[in-house]
Amino acid sequence: SAGTRILPSAFPSTLALFCLLLPAAALIGCEDDKKITPPPPPPGYLEQSSPANVLQNLSTAYERKNCAEYWKLFADDFVFVFNPEDPNDPYTPTPPEWGFPREIAAACSLFADRRVDAITLSWSVGDLQAHHTYGWEIRVDEVNLNVNARNDNTELWIFQVRGSTQVFYFREDTTVTFPGGKHKWLITRWEDGPFGGVK
């Protein structure tokens, strides 16, 4: 009979459960040195002209399961760093980190999976701070992520992240200028604890 299971999960583990590795060439677009004026953002999304707007768009892309809006938030040299304290399966070990192609493959596989009914994501965004190595950073606390998915027996499984902390790093892309004169911002690095967050 159908039922519900609630499964605690670390943030990247939720992606890894649905990860589908795609060829990197299919995921990375071409760039040139020309100045670009982007079109207005789609309804419900913000102009990608500040790190805070980028994080809001990330949350919206998660909840709308929108791969096209998700991948445009990241730099081509993006790195996701896994929490070293997360449990690790010895048969399918989690890497210490992964780059842009695997991040996009994992997220887009999750978004497209027919078993996923809904995703909700909320968090508390801190202030933008200069970082001596990675440019600019924002610490995000109280991350609450729910992924509602159904197995083949229609049993509801809820993968949860509760109260974790993430740190995002950003770079300004001066080749892309919005009509108001602000430049585009991209996520270059995403670190998943441990930073004192409670999971």
N, C-alpha and C. Protein backbone atom coordinates (compact mmCIF):
# COMPACT_ATOMS: atom_id res chain seq x y z
N SER A 1 0.84 -1.19 0.00
CA SER A 1 0.00 0.00 0.00
C SER A 1 0.88 1.24 0.00
N ALA A 2 0.33 2.35 -0.46
CA ALA A 2 1.11 3.59 -0.52
C ALA A 2 1.33 4.13 0.87
N GLY A 3 2.48 4.77 1.06
CA GLY A 3 2.79 5.35 2.35
C GLY A 3 3.75 6.50 2.16
N THR A 4 4.30 6.98 3.26
CA THR A 4 5.23 8.10 3.20
C THR A 4 6.47 7.76 4.01
N ARG A 5 7.65 8.04 3.43
CA ARG A 5 8.90 7.91 4.17
C ARG A 5 9.63 9.24 4.12
N ILE A 6 10.10 9.68 5.27
CA ILE A 6 10.86 10.93 5.36
C ILE A 6 12.31 10.55 5.62
N LEU A 7 13.20 10.95 4.70
CA LEU A 7 14.60 10.53 4.74
C LEU A 7 15.49 11.75 4.91
N PRO A 8 16.18 11.88 6.06
CA PRO A 8 17.14 12.98 6.20
C PRO A 8 18.22 12.85 5.15
N SER A 9 18.68 13.97 4.62
CA SER A 9 19.68 13.93 3.56
C SER A 9 20.54 15.17 3.61
N ALA A 10 21.80 15.01 3.20
CA ALA A 10 22.66 16.17 2.98
C ALA A 10 22.31 16.79 1.63
N PHE A 11 22.60 18.08 1.47
CA PHE A 11 22.19 18.78 0.26
C PHE A 11 22.69 18.09 -1.01
N PRO A 12 24.00 17.82 -1.16
CA PRO A 12 24.46 17.21 -2.41
C PRO A 12 24.01 15.77 -2.57
N SER A 13 23.73 15.07 -1.47
CA SER A 13 23.30 13.69 -1.58
C SER A 13 21.96 13.59 -2.29
N THR A 14 21.10 14.59 -2.12
CA THR A 14 19.83 14.60 -2.81
C THR A 14 20.05 14.66 -4.32
N LEU A 15 21.00 15.49 -4.75
CA LEU A 15 21.32 15.53 -6.17
C LEU A 15 21.94 14.23 -6.64
N ALA A 16 22.86 13.69 -5.85
CA ALA A 16 23.58 12.51 -6.27
C ALA A 16 22.67 11.31 -6.48
N LEU A 17 21.57 11.26 -5.74
CA LEU A 17 20.62 10.15 -5.90
C LEU A 17 20.03 10.12 -7.31
N PHE A 18 19.94 11.27 -7.93
CA PHE A 18 19.32 11.36 -9.25
C PHE A 18 20.32 11.70 -10.34
N CYS A 19 21.63 11.59 -10.02
CA CYS A 19 22.66 12.08 -10.93
C CYS A 19 22.73 11.26 -12.21
N LEU A 20 22.68 11.93 -13.32
CA LEU A 20 22.86 11.30 -14.62
C LEU A 20 24.01 12.02 -15.30
N LEU A 21 25.13 11.31 -15.53
CA LEU A 21 26.30 11.95 -16.10
C LEU A 21 26.10 12.16 -17.59
N LEU A 22 26.20 13.40 -18.02
CA LEU A 22 26.03 13.74 -19.42
C LEU A 22 27.37 14.22 -19.98
N PRO A 23 27.55 14.12 -21.31
CA PRO A 23 28.80 14.62 -21.89
C PRO A 23 28.99 16.10 -21.60
N ALA A 24 30.19 16.45 -21.20
CA ALA A 24 30.46 17.84 -20.85
C ALA A 24 30.20 18.75 -22.04
N ALA A 25 30.48 18.30 -23.24
CA ALA A 25 30.31 19.14 -24.42
C ALA A 25 28.86 19.54 -24.63
N ALA A 26 27.94 18.74 -24.13
CA ALA A 26 26.52 19.04 -24.31
C ALA A 26 26.02 20.07 -23.32
N LEU A 27 26.85 20.38 -22.31
CA LEU A 27 26.39 21.23 -21.22
C LEU A 27 27.03 22.61 -21.22
N ILE A 28 28.18 22.76 -21.84
CA ILE A 28 28.92 24.01 -21.75
C ILE A 28 28.79 24.76 -23.07
N GLY A 29 28.33 26.01 -23.00
CA GLY A 29 28.18 26.81 -24.20
C GLY A 29 29.47 27.51 -24.58
N CYS A 30 29.42 28.22 -25.69
CA CYS A 30 30.59 28.95 -26.18
C CYS A 30 30.56 30.38 -25.66
N GLU A 31 31.74 30.94 -25.52
CA GLU A 31 31.87 32.31 -25.07
C GLU A 31 32.77 33.07 -26.05
N ASP A 32 32.62 34.37 -26.10
CA ASP A 32 33.56 35.20 -26.84
C ASP A 32 33.80 36.45 -26.03
N ASP A 33 34.62 37.35 -26.57
CA ASP A 33 35.00 38.53 -25.80
C ASP A 33 34.13 39.74 -26.15
N LYS A 34 33.00 39.53 -26.82
CA LYS A 34 32.11 40.63 -27.15
C LYS A 34 31.28 41.03 -25.94
N LYS A 35 30.91 42.31 -25.90
CA LYS A 35 30.02 42.78 -24.85
C LYS A 35 28.59 42.30 -25.16
N ILE A 36 27.90 41.83 -24.12
CA ILE A 36 26.58 41.23 -24.30
C ILE A 36 25.58 41.97 -23.43
N THR A 37 24.41 42.25 -24.01
CA THR A 37 23.28 42.77 -23.24
C THR A 37 22.22 41.67 -23.20
N PRO A 38 22.00 41.06 -22.04
CA PRO A 38 21.06 39.93 -21.97
C PRO A 38 19.62 40.39 -22.08
N PRO A 39 18.73 39.51 -22.51
CA PRO A 39 17.31 39.84 -22.54
C PRO A 39 16.75 39.92 -21.12
N PRO A 40 15.57 40.47 -20.94
CA PRO A 40 14.95 40.49 -19.60
C PRO A 40 14.77 39.07 -19.08
N PRO A 41 14.85 38.89 -17.76
CA PRO A 41 14.66 37.55 -17.21
C PRO A 41 13.23 37.07 -17.39
N PRO A 42 13.01 35.76 -17.38
CA PRO A 42 11.64 35.23 -17.50
C PRO A 42 10.80 35.66 -16.29
N PRO A 43 9.49 35.59 -16.41
CA PRO A 43 8.63 35.92 -15.26
C PRO A 43 8.97 35.07 -14.04
N GLY A 44 9.06 35.73 -12.90
CA GLY A 44 9.37 35.04 -11.66
C GLY A 44 10.85 35.00 -11.32
N TYR A 45 11.71 35.40 -12.26
CA TYR A 45 13.15 35.43 -12.02
C TYR A 45 13.64 36.87 -11.99
N LEU A 46 14.78 37.08 -11.32
CA LEU A 46 15.36 38.40 -11.18
C LEU A 46 16.51 38.59 -12.15
N GLU A 47 16.79 39.85 -12.47
CA GLU A 47 17.98 40.17 -13.25
C GLU A 47 19.22 39.66 -12.52
N GLN A 48 20.10 38.98 -13.22
CA GLN A 48 21.25 38.32 -12.60
C GLN A 48 22.38 39.33 -12.35
N SER A 49 22.02 40.45 -11.71
CA SER A 49 22.94 41.58 -11.58
C SER A 49 23.48 41.76 -10.16
N SER A 50 23.26 40.77 -9.30
CA SER A 50 23.83 40.80 -7.95
C SER A 50 23.88 39.37 -7.43
N PRO A 51 24.81 39.08 -6.51
CA PRO A 51 24.84 37.74 -5.93
C PRO A 51 23.53 37.36 -5.24
N ALA A 52 22.89 38.31 -4.57
CA ALA A 52 21.62 38.02 -3.91
C ALA A 52 20.56 37.60 -4.92
N ASN A 53 20.51 38.27 -6.07
CA ASN A 53 19.56 37.89 -7.11
C ASN A 53 19.87 36.50 -7.67
N VAL A 54 21.16 36.18 -7.80
CA VAL A 54 21.54 34.86 -8.29
C VAL A 54 21.02 33.77 -7.35
N LEU A 55 21.18 33.98 -6.05
CA LEU A 55 20.70 32.99 -5.09
C LEU A 55 19.18 32.88 -5.10
N GLN A 56 18.49 33.99 -5.28
CA GLN A 56 17.03 33.93 -5.38
C GLN A 56 16.61 33.14 -6.62
N ASN A 57 17.32 33.35 -7.72
CA ASN A 57 17.02 32.61 -8.95
C ASN A 57 17.33 31.13 -8.79
N LEU A 58 18.38 30.80 -8.02
CA LEU A 58 18.70 29.40 -7.77
C LEU A 58 17.55 28.72 -7.03
N SER A 59 17.04 29.39 -6.01
CA SER A 59 15.92 28.84 -5.25
C SER A 59 14.69 28.68 -6.14
N THR A 60 14.42 29.67 -6.98
CA THR A 60 13.26 29.60 -7.88
C THR A 60 13.42 28.47 -8.89
N ALA A 61 14.64 28.32 -9.45
CA ALA A 61 14.88 27.26 -10.42
C ALA A 61 14.68 25.89 -9.79
N TYR A 62 15.12 25.74 -8.53
CA TYR A 62 14.88 24.47 -7.82
C TYR A 62 13.39 24.18 -7.71
N GLU A 63 12.65 25.15 -7.22
CA GLU A 63 11.23 24.91 -6.96
C GLU A 63 10.43 24.72 -8.24
N ARG A 64 10.87 25.36 -9.31
CA ARG A 64 10.18 25.20 -10.59
C ARG A 64 10.77 24.06 -11.42
N LYS A 65 11.83 23.45 -10.90
CA LYS A 65 12.51 22.34 -11.59
C LYS A 65 12.90 22.76 -13.01
N ASN A 66 13.57 23.91 -13.09
CA ASN A 66 13.88 24.53 -14.37
C ASN A 66 15.38 24.43 -14.65
N CYS A 67 15.75 23.48 -15.48
CA CYS A 67 17.16 23.26 -15.79
C CYS A 67 17.76 24.45 -16.54
N ALA A 68 17.03 25.00 -17.49
CA ALA A 68 17.57 26.08 -18.33
C ALA A 68 17.92 27.31 -17.50
N GLU A 69 17.10 27.62 -16.49
CA GLU A 69 17.39 28.77 -15.64
C GLU A 69 18.46 28.44 -14.59
N TYR A 70 18.57 27.18 -14.24
CA TYR A 70 19.57 26.78 -13.23
C TYR A 70 20.98 26.87 -13.78
N TRP A 71 21.22 26.32 -14.97
CA TRP A 71 22.60 26.23 -15.43
C TRP A 71 23.21 27.59 -15.72
N LYS A 72 22.39 28.60 -16.07
CA LYS A 72 22.94 29.91 -16.41
C LYS A 72 23.48 30.67 -15.18
N LEU A 73 23.27 30.14 -13.97
CA LEU A 73 23.72 30.81 -12.75
C LEU A 73 25.18 30.51 -12.43
N PHE A 74 25.81 29.57 -13.13
CA PHE A 74 27.14 29.07 -12.76
C PHE A 74 28.19 29.41 -13.81
N ALA A 75 29.41 29.68 -13.34
CA ALA A 75 30.55 29.86 -14.23
C ALA A 75 31.01 28.50 -14.76
N ASP A 76 31.66 28.51 -15.92
CA ASP A 76 32.14 27.26 -16.51
C ASP A 76 33.17 26.55 -15.62
N ASP A 77 33.89 27.32 -14.81
CA ASP A 77 34.89 26.72 -13.92
C ASP A 77 34.35 26.48 -12.51
N PHE A 78 33.04 26.43 -12.39
CA PHE A 78 32.38 26.22 -11.10
C PHE A 78 32.82 24.90 -10.45
N VAL A 79 32.91 24.93 -9.10
CA VAL A 79 33.25 23.75 -8.31
C VAL A 79 32.27 23.63 -7.15
N PHE A 80 31.69 22.45 -6.97
CA PHE A 80 30.91 22.14 -5.77
C PHE A 80 31.79 21.30 -4.86
N VAL A 81 31.91 21.72 -3.58
CA VAL A 81 32.73 21.02 -2.59
C VAL A 81 31.80 20.33 -1.60
N PHE A 82 31.89 19.00 -1.53
CA PHE A 82 31.04 18.22 -0.63
C PHE A 82 31.50 18.34 0.81
N ASN A 83 30.54 18.22 1.72
CA ASN A 83 30.83 18.22 3.15
C ASN A 83 31.60 16.95 3.50
N PRO A 84 32.83 17.06 4.00
CA PRO A 84 33.60 15.85 4.31
C PRO A 84 33.01 15.03 5.44
N GLU A 85 32.06 15.60 6.20
CA GLU A 85 31.45 14.86 7.30
C GLU A 85 30.21 14.07 6.87
N ASP A 86 29.80 14.21 5.60
CA ASP A 86 28.64 13.45 5.13
C ASP A 86 28.96 11.96 5.10
N PRO A 87 27.96 11.09 5.39
CA PRO A 87 28.16 9.65 5.22
C PRO A 87 28.52 9.33 3.77
N ASN A 88 29.39 8.34 3.58
CA ASN A 88 29.86 8.02 2.25
C ASN A 88 29.68 6.53 1.98
N ASP A 89 29.05 6.19 0.88
CA ASP A 89 28.85 4.81 0.49
C ASP A 89 30.15 4.26 -0.10
N PRO A 90 30.75 3.22 0.48
CA PRO A 90 32.02 2.72 -0.04
C PRO A 90 31.91 2.13 -1.44
N TYR A 91 30.71 1.72 -1.86
CA TYR A 91 30.52 1.13 -3.18
C TYR A 91 30.35 2.19 -4.27
N THR A 92 29.73 3.30 -3.91
CA THR A 92 29.59 4.42 -4.83
C THR A 92 30.02 5.70 -4.10
N PRO A 93 31.32 5.84 -3.85
CA PRO A 93 31.79 6.95 -3.02
C PRO A 93 31.52 8.32 -3.65
N THR A 94 31.20 9.27 -2.80
CA THR A 94 31.02 10.64 -3.24
C THR A 94 32.39 11.28 -3.42
N PRO A 95 32.64 11.97 -4.52
CA PRO A 95 33.94 12.64 -4.70
C PRO A 95 34.08 13.82 -3.75
N PRO A 96 35.29 14.26 -3.47
CA PRO A 96 35.46 15.45 -2.62
C PRO A 96 34.80 16.68 -3.23
N GLU A 97 34.78 16.74 -4.55
CA GLU A 97 34.16 17.88 -5.23
C GLU A 97 33.81 17.46 -6.66
N TRP A 98 32.95 18.27 -7.31
CA TRP A 98 32.73 18.08 -8.74
C TRP A 98 32.54 19.42 -9.41
N GLY A 99 32.66 19.42 -10.73
CA GLY A 99 32.63 20.67 -11.48
C GLY A 99 31.30 20.95 -12.13
N PHE A 100 31.31 21.92 -13.02
CA PHE A 100 30.09 22.40 -13.67
C PHE A 100 29.31 21.30 -14.39
N PRO A 101 29.95 20.47 -15.22
CA PRO A 101 29.15 19.47 -15.96
C PRO A 101 28.38 18.52 -15.05
N ARG A 102 29.03 18.04 -13.98
CA ARG A 102 28.36 17.08 -13.10
C ARG A 102 27.29 17.76 -12.24
N GLU A 103 27.53 19.00 -11.85
CA GLU A 103 26.51 19.73 -11.09
C GLU A 103 25.25 19.91 -11.93
N ILE A 104 25.41 20.33 -13.19
CA ILE A 104 24.25 20.55 -14.05
C ILE A 104 23.57 19.23 -14.38
N ALA A 105 24.36 18.19 -14.63
CA ALA A 105 23.78 16.89 -14.92
C ALA A 105 22.95 16.38 -13.76
N ALA A 106 23.48 16.52 -12.53
CA ALA A 106 22.77 16.04 -11.36
C ALA A 106 21.48 16.81 -11.13
N ALA A 107 21.56 18.15 -11.19
CA ALA A 107 20.37 18.97 -10.94
C ALA A 107 19.31 18.74 -12.01
N CYS A 108 19.73 18.73 -13.27
CA CYS A 108 18.75 18.60 -14.36
C CYS A 108 18.12 17.21 -14.37
N SER A 109 18.87 16.20 -13.97
CA SER A 109 18.30 14.87 -13.85
C SER A 109 17.24 14.83 -12.76
N LEU A 110 17.53 15.49 -11.64
CA LEU A 110 16.55 15.59 -10.55
C LEU A 110 15.30 16.30 -11.02
N PHE A 111 15.48 17.45 -11.69
CA PHE A 111 14.33 18.24 -12.12
C PHE A 111 13.44 17.48 -13.11
N ALA A 112 14.07 16.69 -13.97
CA ALA A 112 13.32 16.00 -15.03
C ALA A 112 12.74 14.66 -14.60
N ASP A 113 13.14 14.17 -13.45
CA ASP A 113 12.72 12.84 -13.04
C ASP A 113 11.21 12.81 -12.80
N ARG A 114 10.51 11.90 -13.47
CA ARG A 114 9.05 11.82 -13.37
C ARG A 114 8.59 11.45 -11.97
N ARG A 115 9.50 10.85 -11.16
CA ARG A 115 9.11 10.44 -9.82
C ARG A 115 9.08 11.60 -8.83
N VAL A 116 9.68 12.74 -9.21
CA VAL A 116 9.75 13.90 -8.32
C VAL A 116 8.48 14.72 -8.47
N ASP A 117 7.69 14.75 -7.39
CA ASP A 117 6.44 15.52 -7.41
C ASP A 117 6.68 17.01 -7.21
N ALA A 118 7.50 17.35 -6.22
CA ALA A 118 7.67 18.76 -5.87
C ALA A 118 8.98 18.95 -5.13
N ILE A 119 9.52 20.16 -5.25
CA ILE A 119 10.72 20.57 -4.52
C ILE A 119 10.44 21.91 -3.86
N THR A 120 10.78 22.04 -2.59
CA THR A 120 10.72 23.34 -1.91
C THR A 120 12.08 23.64 -1.31
N LEU A 121 12.48 24.90 -1.36
CA LEU A 121 13.79 25.31 -0.86
C LEU A 121 13.67 26.69 -0.24
N SER A 122 14.11 26.80 1.01
CA SER A 122 14.16 28.11 1.68
C SER A 122 15.47 28.21 2.44
N TRP A 123 15.92 29.44 2.68
CA TRP A 123 17.17 29.66 3.41
C TRP A 123 17.26 31.10 3.87
N SER A 124 18.25 31.36 4.71
CA SER A 124 18.52 32.71 5.22
C SER A 124 19.84 33.19 4.62
N VAL A 125 19.76 34.21 3.78
CA VAL A 125 20.93 34.67 3.02
C VAL A 125 21.66 35.76 3.80
N GLY A 126 22.96 35.57 3.98
CA GLY A 126 23.78 36.55 4.69
C GLY A 126 24.24 37.67 3.78
N ASP A 127 25.17 38.48 4.30
CA ASP A 127 25.69 39.63 3.57
C ASP A 127 26.82 39.21 2.63
N LEU A 128 26.98 39.98 1.57
CA LEU A 128 28.09 39.78 0.65
C LEU A 128 29.39 40.24 1.29
N GLN A 129 30.41 39.36 1.28
CA GLN A 129 31.69 39.65 1.89
C GLN A 129 32.81 39.41 0.88
N ALA A 130 33.86 40.26 0.95
CA ALA A 130 35.04 40.02 0.13
C ALA A 130 35.79 38.80 0.68
N HIS A 131 36.33 37.98 -0.24
CA HIS A 131 37.09 36.79 0.16
C HIS A 131 38.47 36.87 -0.47
N HIS A 132 39.51 36.53 0.32
CA HIS A 132 40.88 36.73 -0.14
C HIS A 132 41.27 35.81 -1.28
N THR A 133 40.58 34.69 -1.43
CA THR A 133 40.93 33.72 -2.48
C THR A 133 39.90 33.66 -3.59
N TYR A 134 38.61 33.65 -3.23
CA TYR A 134 37.55 33.35 -4.20
C TYR A 134 36.70 34.56 -4.57
N GLY A 135 37.19 35.74 -4.32
CA GLY A 135 36.49 36.94 -4.78
C GLY A 135 35.44 37.45 -3.82
N TRP A 136 34.22 36.94 -3.92
CA TRP A 136 33.10 37.39 -3.10
C TRP A 136 32.34 36.18 -2.59
N GLU A 137 31.87 36.27 -1.35
CA GLU A 137 31.17 35.13 -0.77
C GLU A 137 29.91 35.56 -0.04
N ILE A 138 28.95 34.65 0.02
CA ILE A 138 27.76 34.81 0.84
C ILE A 138 27.54 33.50 1.57
N ARG A 139 27.36 33.58 2.87
CA ARG A 139 27.02 32.42 3.69
C ARG A 139 25.50 32.33 3.80
N VAL A 140 24.99 31.14 3.57
CA VAL A 140 23.54 30.90 3.60
C VAL A 140 23.26 29.90 4.73
N ASP A 141 22.47 30.32 5.70
CA ASP A 141 22.14 29.47 6.85
C ASP A 141 20.69 29.00 6.79
N GLU A 142 20.37 28.07 7.69
CA GLU A 142 19.00 27.58 7.85
C GLU A 142 18.43 27.08 6.53
N VAL A 143 19.24 26.31 5.81
CA VAL A 143 18.77 25.75 4.55
C VAL A 143 17.75 24.66 4.82
N ASN A 144 16.59 24.78 4.21
CA ASN A 144 15.53 23.78 4.33
C ASN A 144 15.10 23.36 2.93
N LEU A 145 15.42 22.11 2.59
CA LEU A 145 15.12 21.56 1.28
C LEU A 145 14.26 20.31 1.43
N ASN A 146 13.16 20.25 0.69
CA ASN A 146 12.31 19.07 0.62
C ASN A 146 12.23 18.62 -0.83
N VAL A 147 12.50 17.35 -1.08
CA VAL A 147 12.26 16.76 -2.39
C VAL A 147 11.25 15.63 -2.20
N ASN A 148 10.04 15.81 -2.72
CA ASN A 148 8.99 14.80 -2.63
C ASN A 148 9.03 13.93 -3.88
N ALA A 149 9.31 12.65 -3.69
CA ALA A 149 9.42 11.73 -4.82
C ALA A 149 8.63 10.47 -4.52
N ARG A 150 8.21 9.78 -5.59
CA ARG A 150 7.45 8.54 -5.44
C ARG A 150 8.20 7.39 -6.09
N ASN A 151 8.20 6.24 -5.41
CA ASN A 151 8.81 5.05 -6.00
C ASN A 151 7.81 4.38 -6.95
N ASP A 152 8.20 3.24 -7.50
CA ASP A 152 7.33 2.57 -8.48
C ASP A 152 6.02 2.08 -7.89
N ASN A 153 5.96 1.99 -6.57
CA ASN A 153 4.71 1.58 -5.90
C ASN A 153 3.90 2.78 -5.43
N THR A 154 4.26 3.95 -5.92
CA THR A 154 3.61 5.24 -5.60
C THR A 154 3.77 5.63 -4.14
N GLU A 155 4.66 4.97 -3.42
CA GLU A 155 4.96 5.36 -2.04
C GLU A 155 5.72 6.68 -2.06
N LEU A 156 5.31 7.62 -1.22
CA LEU A 156 5.94 8.93 -1.17
C LEU A 156 7.18 8.89 -0.29
N TRP A 157 8.31 9.30 -0.86
CA TRP A 157 9.56 9.46 -0.11
C TRP A 157 9.90 10.94 -0.10
N ILE A 158 10.22 11.46 1.09
CA ILE A 158 10.57 12.87 1.23
C ILE A 158 12.03 12.96 1.66
N PHE A 159 12.87 13.47 0.78
CA PHE A 159 14.28 13.71 1.11
C PHE A 159 14.39 15.11 1.68
N GLN A 160 15.01 15.22 2.86
CA GLN A 160 15.02 16.49 3.57
C GLN A 160 16.44 16.93 3.92
N VAL A 161 16.66 18.23 3.81
CA VAL A 161 17.81 18.90 4.41
C VAL A 161 17.24 19.91 5.40
N ARG A 162 17.73 19.89 6.63
CA ARG A 162 17.20 20.77 7.66
C ARG A 162 18.31 21.53 8.35
N GLY A 163 18.28 22.86 8.24
CA GLY A 163 19.16 23.72 9.01
C GLY A 163 20.61 23.70 8.63
N SER A 164 20.95 23.27 7.43
CA SER A 164 22.36 23.21 7.04
C SER A 164 22.86 24.59 6.65
N THR A 165 24.17 24.70 6.49
CA THR A 165 24.83 25.93 6.07
C THR A 165 25.57 25.69 4.77
N GLN A 166 25.43 26.60 3.82
CA GLN A 166 26.15 26.55 2.55
C GLN A 166 26.89 27.87 2.38
N VAL A 167 28.02 27.83 1.68
CA VAL A 167 28.75 29.05 1.35
C VAL A 167 28.92 29.12 -0.16
N PHE A 168 28.52 30.25 -0.74
CA PHE A 168 28.60 30.47 -2.18
C PHE A 168 29.64 31.55 -2.47
N TYR A 169 30.36 31.35 -3.56
CA TYR A 169 31.36 32.34 -4.02
C TYR A 169 30.97 32.81 -5.41
N PHE A 170 31.27 34.07 -5.70
CA PHE A 170 30.77 34.71 -6.92
C PHE A 170 31.87 35.48 -7.65
N ARG A 171 31.62 35.64 -8.96
CA ARG A 171 32.48 36.46 -9.79
C ARG A 171 31.61 37.33 -10.69
N GLU A 172 32.04 38.57 -10.88
CA GLU A 172 31.33 39.49 -11.76
C GLU A 172 31.82 39.27 -13.20
N ASP A 173 30.87 39.12 -14.12
CA ASP A 173 31.20 38.95 -15.54
C ASP A 173 31.02 40.29 -16.23
N THR A 174 32.12 40.99 -16.48
CA THR A 174 32.05 42.34 -17.05
C THR A 174 31.76 42.34 -18.54
N THR A 175 31.70 41.16 -19.17
CA THR A 175 31.33 41.11 -20.59
C THR A 175 29.83 41.17 -20.78
N VAL A 176 29.07 41.03 -19.70
CA VAL A 176 27.61 41.05 -19.78
C VAL A 176 27.10 42.22 -18.95
N THR A 177 26.43 43.17 -19.61
CA THR A 177 25.94 44.38 -18.94
C THR A 177 24.44 44.50 -19.13
N PHE A 178 23.74 44.65 -18.04
CA PHE A 178 22.29 44.83 -18.10
C PHE A 178 21.96 46.28 -18.46
N PRO A 179 20.73 46.55 -18.90
CA PRO A 179 20.39 47.90 -19.34
C PRO A 179 20.67 48.99 -18.31
N GLY A 180 20.58 48.68 -17.02
CA GLY A 180 20.86 49.68 -15.98
C GLY A 180 22.33 49.91 -15.72
N GLY A 181 23.21 49.16 -16.41
CA GLY A 181 24.65 49.34 -16.26
C GLY A 181 25.33 48.34 -15.36
N LYS A 182 24.55 47.49 -14.66
CA LYS A 182 25.15 46.49 -13.79
C LYS A 182 25.59 45.28 -14.60
N HIS A 183 26.62 44.59 -14.08
CA HIS A 183 27.14 43.41 -14.75
C HIS A 183 26.49 42.13 -14.21
N LYS A 184 26.67 41.07 -14.95
CA LYS A 184 26.16 39.76 -14.57
C LYS A 184 27.06 39.14 -13.52
N TRP A 185 26.46 38.41 -12.57
CA TRP A 185 27.20 37.68 -11.54
C TRP A 185 26.97 36.18 -11.72
N LEU A 186 28.03 35.41 -11.43
CA LEU A 186 27.98 33.96 -11.57
C LEU A 186 28.51 33.29 -10.31
N ILE A 187 27.98 32.11 -10.00
CA ILE A 187 28.49 31.31 -8.89
C ILE A 187 29.72 30.55 -9.38
N THR A 188 30.83 30.69 -8.67
CA THR A 188 32.06 30.00 -9.04
C THR A 188 32.39 28.83 -8.13
N ARG A 189 31.84 28.85 -6.92
CA ARG A 189 32.16 27.80 -5.96
C ARG A 189 31.01 27.70 -4.96
N TRP A 190 30.73 26.46 -4.52
CA TRP A 190 29.64 26.20 -3.58
C TRP A 190 30.18 25.17 -2.59
N GLU A 191 30.26 25.56 -1.32
CA GLU A 191 30.78 24.67 -0.28
C GLU A 191 29.65 24.25 0.64
N ASP A 192 29.56 22.95 0.86
CA ASP A 192 28.53 22.38 1.74
C ASP A 192 29.15 22.02 3.09
N GLY A 193 29.11 22.95 4.07
CA GLY A 193 29.55 22.70 5.44
C GLY A 193 30.85 21.88 5.53
N PRO A 194 31.25 21.50 6.74
CA PRO A 194 30.56 21.87 7.99
C PRO A 194 30.91 23.27 8.45
N PHE A 195 29.87 24.08 8.70
CA PHE A 195 30.07 25.44 9.15
C PHE A 195 29.21 25.76 10.37
N GLY A 196 28.84 24.74 11.11
CA GLY A 196 28.03 24.97 12.29
C GLY A 196 26.55 24.78 12.06
N GLY A 197 26.17 24.47 10.82
CA GLY A 197 24.75 24.20 10.55
C GLY A 197 24.33 22.89 11.17
N VAL A 198 23.08 22.77 11.53
CA VAL A 198 22.54 21.55 12.12
C VAL A 198 21.79 20.80 11.04
N LYS A 199 22.15 19.53 10.82
CA LYS A 199 21.51 18.74 9.77
C LYS A 199 20.59 17.71 10.40
